[in-house]
Amino acid sequence: MPPAEELGGNPAAGGASAVGGPAGGSSDWGDGSGANGANGANGADGADGASANGASIAGGTVGASGTGGTDVRDEAARGELTQRRRRHSARWAAGIALLALAVVVAVLATRPSYQATEAISPLVGHRAPAVAGTTVDGAPFDLASYRGRWVVLNFFASWCVPCQQEEPNLVAFAYQHRQPGGAALVGVVFEDTNGAARAFQRSQGATWPTLTDPGTRIALAYGVTSPPETFLISPTGMVAAHIYGAVTQRFLDQQLARAEQAFG
């Protein structure tokens, strides 16, 4: 059996060494733990970096989304502004159209109903269509017998209000030109009965010949659509003027003077 000293000494040294070994090992483990901690710290830094990068990416995405949303809103606002301008323009156009219509109506309403105008007719400058037939009194008539005189050919009806306003002016014109060879008046009944037309003319003092027009044959030849309409026919049988509407004595005299200068 070894001596006690060896046992005592060996355990102390050996134990210490043994313990020291593990302690040294413990120290080694502690160093490893530090290294591992450092690595963990680096991992945490990486995680933070990843988080930061993710935040940056997310921020970029949000920024992009925010810009796109603004563009869409701006485009919608511009579209709404365009629509408002179009609606505003449409309202202005409608208002102007209504104003123009009101002006036309006012002019027509205030214009004398007897106001006549010279109409455009393809007959002017050409030979007058034949006017022949029977008068409301039953007598035969042919316009050719008036060759060599100016003739005022008037289409009328007793039910026509402008004709009623016009008739006294025709009577005054006929009286003014009553001298031999003066301008002659000839009437043509337009869509009226012979009896009504005859009574109407007698009540106004009209004494010129007035033809009946069965089937509006004469009216169609002259293109008459609504009485009163008047034609000036030259002494040579040419249509010199076509007048639409109720004439006055003065207007008829002016038209006759112009026609005499143009046609002789």
Protein backbone atom coordinates (compact mmCIF):
# COMPACT_ATOMS: atom_id res chain seq x y z
CA MET A 1 0.00 0.00 0.00
CA PRO A 2 1.46 3.35 -0.92
CA PRO A 3 2.35 5.73 1.74
CA ALA A 4 -0.13 8.12 3.12
CA GLU A 5 1.94 11.06 1.98
CA GLU A 6 1.76 9.94 -1.61
CA LEU A 7 -1.94 9.49 -1.26
CA GLY A 8 -2.27 12.84 0.37
CA GLY A 9 0.07 14.53 -1.96
CA ASN A 10 -1.26 13.01 -5.15
CA PRO A 11 -4.82 13.78 -4.42
CA ALA A 12 -3.91 17.36 -3.75
CA ALA A 13 -1.88 17.73 -6.86
CA GLY A 14 -3.71 15.31 -8.89
CA GLY A 15 -7.05 16.44 -7.60
CA ALA A 16 -6.12 19.92 -8.11
CA SER A 17 -4.97 19.11 -11.56
CA ALA A 18 -7.99 17.06 -12.12
CA VAL A 19 -10.19 19.73 -10.86
CA GLY A 20 -8.07 22.26 -12.61
CA GLY A 21 -8.47 20.35 -15.75
CA PRO A 22 -12.19 20.51 -15.58
CA ALA A 23 -11.94 24.04 -14.43
CA GLY A 24 -9.73 24.73 -17.31
CA GLY A 25 -12.30 22.99 -19.36
CA SER A 26 -14.87 25.11 -17.73
CA SER A 27 -12.82 28.05 -18.77
CA ASP A 28 -12.72 26.69 -22.26
CA TRP A 29 -16.49 26.30 -22.22
CA GLY A 30 -16.81 29.78 -20.93
CA ASP A 31 -14.71 31.06 -23.82
CA GLY A 32 -16.91 29.14 -26.20
CA SER A 33 -19.95 30.61 -24.66
CA GLY A 34 -18.49 34.06 -25.25
CA ALA A 35 -17.79 33.26 -28.85
CA ASN A 36 -21.22 31.86 -29.26
CA GLY A 37 -22.62 34.97 -27.64
CA ALA A 38 -20.69 37.08 -30.06
CA ASN A 39 -22.02 35.03 -32.92
CA GLY A 40 -25.50 35.41 -31.49
CA ALA A 41 -24.97 39.10 -31.36
CA ASN A 42 -23.93 39.05 -34.99
CA GLY A 43 -27.05 37.06 -35.74
CA ALA A 44 -29.10 39.65 -33.94
CA ASP A 45 -27.42 42.34 -35.99
CA GLY A 46 -28.24 40.38 -39.12
CA ALA A 47 -31.80 40.06 -38.00
CA ASP A 48 -31.94 43.77 -37.34
CA GLY A 49 -30.46 44.41 -40.76
CA ALA A 50 -32.99 42.11 -42.33
CA SER A 51 -35.70 43.89 -40.41
CA ALA A 52 -34.33 47.22 -41.51
CA ASN A 53 -34.10 46.05 -45.12
CA GLY A 54 -37.60 44.70 -44.87
CA ALA A 55 -38.75 47.98 -43.48
CA SER A 56 -37.02 49.76 -46.36
CA ILE A 57 -38.62 47.45 -48.88
CA ALA A 58 -41.97 47.83 -47.19
CA GLY A 59 -41.48 51.59 -47.14
CA GLY A 60 -40.68 51.56 -50.84
CA THR A 61 -43.79 49.55 -51.51
CA VAL A 62 -45.93 51.91 -49.48
CA GLY A 63 -44.36 54.90 -51.19
CA ALA A 64 -45.01 53.40 -54.60
CA SER A 65 -48.57 52.61 -53.64
CA GLY A 66 -49.05 56.11 -52.30
CA THR A 67 -47.78 57.70 -55.56
CA GLY A 68 -49.97 55.48 -57.69
CA GLY A 69 -53.01 56.36 -55.60
CA THR A 70 -52.27 60.06 -56.02
CA ASP A 71 -52.03 59.70 -59.80
CA VAL A 72 -55.37 57.89 -59.91
CA ARG A 73 -57.00 60.57 -57.79
CA ASP A 74 -55.53 63.33 -59.94
CA GLU A 75 -56.78 61.64 -63.09
CA ALA A 76 -60.25 61.24 -61.59
CA ALA A 77 -60.25 64.91 -60.56
CA ARG A 78 -59.25 65.99 -64.08
CA GLY A 79 -61.99 63.80 -65.56
CA GLU A 80 -64.59 65.31 -63.24
CA LEU A 81 -63.42 68.82 -64.12
CA THR A 82 -63.71 68.03 -67.83
CA GLN A 83 -67.22 66.69 -67.34
CA ARG A 84 -68.20 69.81 -65.42
CA ARG A 85 -66.86 72.02 -68.19
CA ARG A 86 -68.77 70.05 -70.79
CA ARG A 87 -71.99 70.31 -68.81
CA HIS A 88 -71.40 74.02 -68.35
CA SER A 89 -70.80 74.49 -72.08
CA ALA A 90 -73.92 72.49 -72.90
CA ARG A 91 -76.00 74.68 -70.60
CA TRP A 92 -74.60 77.81 -72.21
CA ALA A 93 -75.34 76.48 -75.70
CA ALA A 94 -78.89 75.59 -74.72
CA GLY A 95 -79.38 79.03 -73.19
CA ILE A 96 -78.10 80.78 -76.31
CA ALA A 97 -80.36 78.65 -78.53
CA LEU A 98 -83.39 79.50 -76.39
CA LEU A 99 -82.49 83.18 -76.48
CA ALA A 100 -82.15 83.12 -80.27
CA LEU A 101 -85.53 81.37 -80.58
CA ALA A 102 -87.11 83.96 -78.30
CA VAL A 103 -85.72 86.78 -80.45
CA VAL A 104 -87.07 85.17 -83.63
CA VAL A 105 -90.49 84.68 -82.05
CA ALA A 106 -90.51 88.28 -80.85
CA VAL A 107 -89.61 89.57 -84.31
CA LEU A 108 -92.29 87.47 -85.95
CA ALA A 109 -94.84 88.50 -83.35
CA THR A 110 -94.14 92.22 -83.76
CA ARG A 111 -93.76 92.18 -87.55
CA PRO A 112 -96.89 93.42 -89.35
CA SER A 113 -98.81 90.47 -90.75
CA TYR A 114 -99.20 92.25 -94.09
CA GLN A 115 -95.45 92.58 -94.62
CA ALA A 116 -94.58 91.08 -97.97
CA THR A 117 -91.26 89.86 -99.31
CA GLU A 118 -90.00 89.17 -102.79
CA ALA A 119 -89.66 85.43 -103.16
CA ILE A 120 -87.18 83.45 -105.23
CA SER A 121 -89.03 81.73 -108.04
CA PRO A 122 -87.78 79.72 -111.02
CA LEU A 123 -90.52 81.42 -113.05
CA VAL A 124 -88.95 84.87 -112.84
CA GLY A 125 -87.47 85.79 -116.20
CA HIS A 126 -89.50 83.12 -118.00
CA ARG A 127 -92.80 83.17 -119.83
CA ALA A 128 -95.79 83.14 -117.53
CA PRO A 129 -97.88 79.94 -117.45
CA ALA A 130 -101.26 80.23 -119.12
CA VAL A 131 -104.12 81.70 -117.07
CA ALA A 132 -107.45 80.94 -118.71
CA GLY A 133 -110.82 79.77 -117.49
CA THR A 134 -114.04 81.09 -115.99
CA THR A 135 -114.43 83.94 -113.53
CA VAL A 136 -116.48 83.70 -110.32
CA ASP A 137 -119.19 85.60 -112.24
CA GLY A 138 -119.26 82.92 -114.97
CA ALA A 139 -117.49 84.95 -117.68
CA PRO A 140 -114.61 83.47 -119.76
CA PHE A 141 -111.17 84.92 -119.29
CA ASP A 142 -107.73 84.54 -120.87
CA LEU A 143 -104.64 86.35 -119.61
CA ALA A 144 -103.34 86.55 -123.17
CA SER A 145 -105.91 89.28 -123.83
CA TYR A 146 -103.96 91.53 -121.45
CA ARG A 147 -100.76 91.37 -123.52
CA GLY A 148 -99.17 94.82 -123.75
CA ARG A 149 -100.06 95.71 -120.12
CA TRP A 150 -98.50 95.04 -116.77
CA VAL A 151 -100.54 92.50 -114.86
CA VAL A 152 -100.70 91.91 -111.11
CA LEU A 153 -101.78 88.28 -110.70
CA ASN A 154 -103.01 87.71 -107.13
CA PHE A 155 -103.83 84.33 -105.53
CA PHE A 156 -106.15 84.71 -102.53
CA ALA A 157 -108.88 83.12 -100.38
CA SER A 158 -111.70 84.65 -98.37
CA TRP A 159 -110.70 82.63 -95.26
CA CYS A 160 -107.11 83.91 -95.42
CA VAL A 161 -106.52 86.61 -92.76
CA PRO A 162 -103.53 88.23 -94.53
CA CYS A 163 -105.66 88.31 -97.69
CA GLN A 164 -108.32 90.20 -95.80
CA GLN A 165 -105.72 92.73 -94.64
CA GLU A 166 -104.26 92.97 -98.14
CA GLU A 167 -107.49 93.48 -100.11
CA PRO A 168 -108.01 97.23 -99.37
CA ASN A 169 -104.46 97.86 -100.60
CA LEU A 170 -105.20 96.02 -103.85
CA VAL A 171 -108.36 98.07 -104.31
CA ALA A 172 -106.37 101.29 -103.82
CA PHE A 173 -103.69 100.11 -106.27
CA ALA A 174 -106.29 99.22 -108.90
CA TYR A 175 -107.90 102.63 -108.54
CA GLN A 176 -104.54 104.39 -108.87
CA HIS A 177 -103.79 102.52 -112.14
CA ARG A 178 -107.30 102.73 -113.59
CA GLN A 179 -106.21 104.77 -116.63
CA PRO A 180 -106.25 102.98 -120.01
CA GLY A 181 -103.15 100.86 -120.47
CA GLY A 182 -102.35 101.00 -116.76
CA ALA A 183 -101.42 97.96 -114.69
CA ALA A 184 -104.30 95.50 -114.45
CA LEU A 185 -105.28 93.31 -111.49
CA VAL A 186 -106.37 89.69 -111.99
CA GLY A 187 -107.38 87.42 -109.12
CA VAL A 188 -107.26 83.61 -108.81
CA VAL A 189 -109.25 81.81 -106.10
CA PHE A 190 -107.10 79.49 -104.00
CA GLU A 191 -108.87 76.56 -102.32
CA ASP A 192 -112.10 78.49 -101.69
CA THR A 193 -115.65 78.34 -102.94
CA ASN A 194 -116.75 80.62 -105.76
CA GLY A 195 -119.58 82.05 -103.68
CA ALA A 196 -117.35 82.92 -100.70
CA ALA A 197 -114.68 84.46 -102.93
CA ARG A 198 -117.23 86.53 -104.85
CA ALA A 199 -118.91 87.78 -101.67
CA PHE A 200 -115.56 88.68 -100.16
CA GLN A 201 -114.46 90.74 -103.18
CA ARG A 202 -117.78 92.55 -103.43
CA SER A 203 -117.60 93.49 -99.75
CA GLN A 204 -114.18 95.05 -100.37
CA GLY A 205 -115.12 96.86 -103.58
CA ALA A 206 -112.91 94.74 -105.87
CA THR A 207 -114.04 94.89 -109.50
CA TRP A 208 -111.22 93.12 -111.38
CA PRO A 209 -111.72 89.72 -113.00
CA THR A 210 -111.22 86.75 -110.67
CA LEU A 211 -110.84 83.21 -111.96
CA THR A 212 -111.95 79.99 -110.36
CA ASP A 213 -109.27 77.31 -110.14
CA PRO A 214 -110.74 73.81 -109.93
CA GLY A 215 -108.11 71.35 -108.77
CA THR A 216 -105.70 74.28 -108.17
CA ARG A 217 -104.42 73.80 -111.72
CA ILE A 218 -103.29 77.41 -112.12
CA ALA A 219 -101.84 77.55 -108.60
CA LEU A 220 -99.75 74.46 -109.26
CA ALA A 221 -98.43 75.95 -112.51
CA TYR A 222 -97.21 78.99 -110.55
CA GLY A 223 -95.99 77.01 -107.54
CA VAL A 224 -98.39 78.69 -105.10
CA THR A 225 -98.59 76.99 -101.69
CA SER A 226 -100.17 79.54 -99.33
CA PRO A 227 -102.11 82.72 -100.06
CA PRO A 228 -101.64 85.53 -100.56
CA GLU A 229 -99.04 85.26 -103.31
CA THR A 230 -98.66 87.76 -106.13
CA PHE A 231 -96.86 87.72 -109.49
CA LEU A 232 -95.93 90.66 -111.69
CA ILE A 233 -96.22 89.83 -115.38
CA SER A 234 -94.63 92.08 -117.97
CA PRO A 235 -96.39 93.41 -121.10
CA THR A 236 -94.52 90.74 -123.08
CA GLY A 237 -95.87 87.94 -120.89
CA MET A 238 -92.74 87.33 -118.76
CA VAL A 239 -92.81 86.76 -115.00
CA ALA A 240 -91.01 89.78 -113.54
CA ALA A 241 -91.47 89.16 -109.79
CA HIS A 242 -92.94 86.77 -107.25
CA ILE A 243 -94.17 88.30 -103.99
CA TYR A 244 -95.00 86.24 -100.93
CA GLY A 245 -97.29 87.67 -98.26
CA ALA A 246 -99.81 90.48 -98.08
CA VAL A 247 -98.76 93.55 -100.06
CA THR A 248 -99.38 97.20 -99.40
CA GLN A 249 -100.13 99.72 -102.12
CA ARG A 250 -96.73 101.35 -101.61
CA PHE A 251 -94.84 98.05 -101.71
CA LEU A 252 -96.65 97.01 -104.89
CA ASP A 253 -95.85 100.34 -106.54
CA GLN A 254 -92.16 99.93 -105.66
CA GLN A 255 -92.05 96.43 -107.03
CA LEU A 256 -93.78 97.53 -110.23
CA ALA A 257 -91.29 100.38 -110.70
CA ARG A 258 -88.34 98.02 -110.29
CA ALA A 259 -89.89 95.52 -112.71
CA GLU A 260 -90.48 98.23 -115.33
CA GLN A 261 -86.81 99.21 -115.18
CA ALA A 262 -85.67 95.59 -115.45
CA PHE A 263 -88.11 94.42 -118.14
CA GLY A 264 -89.05 97.65 -119.90
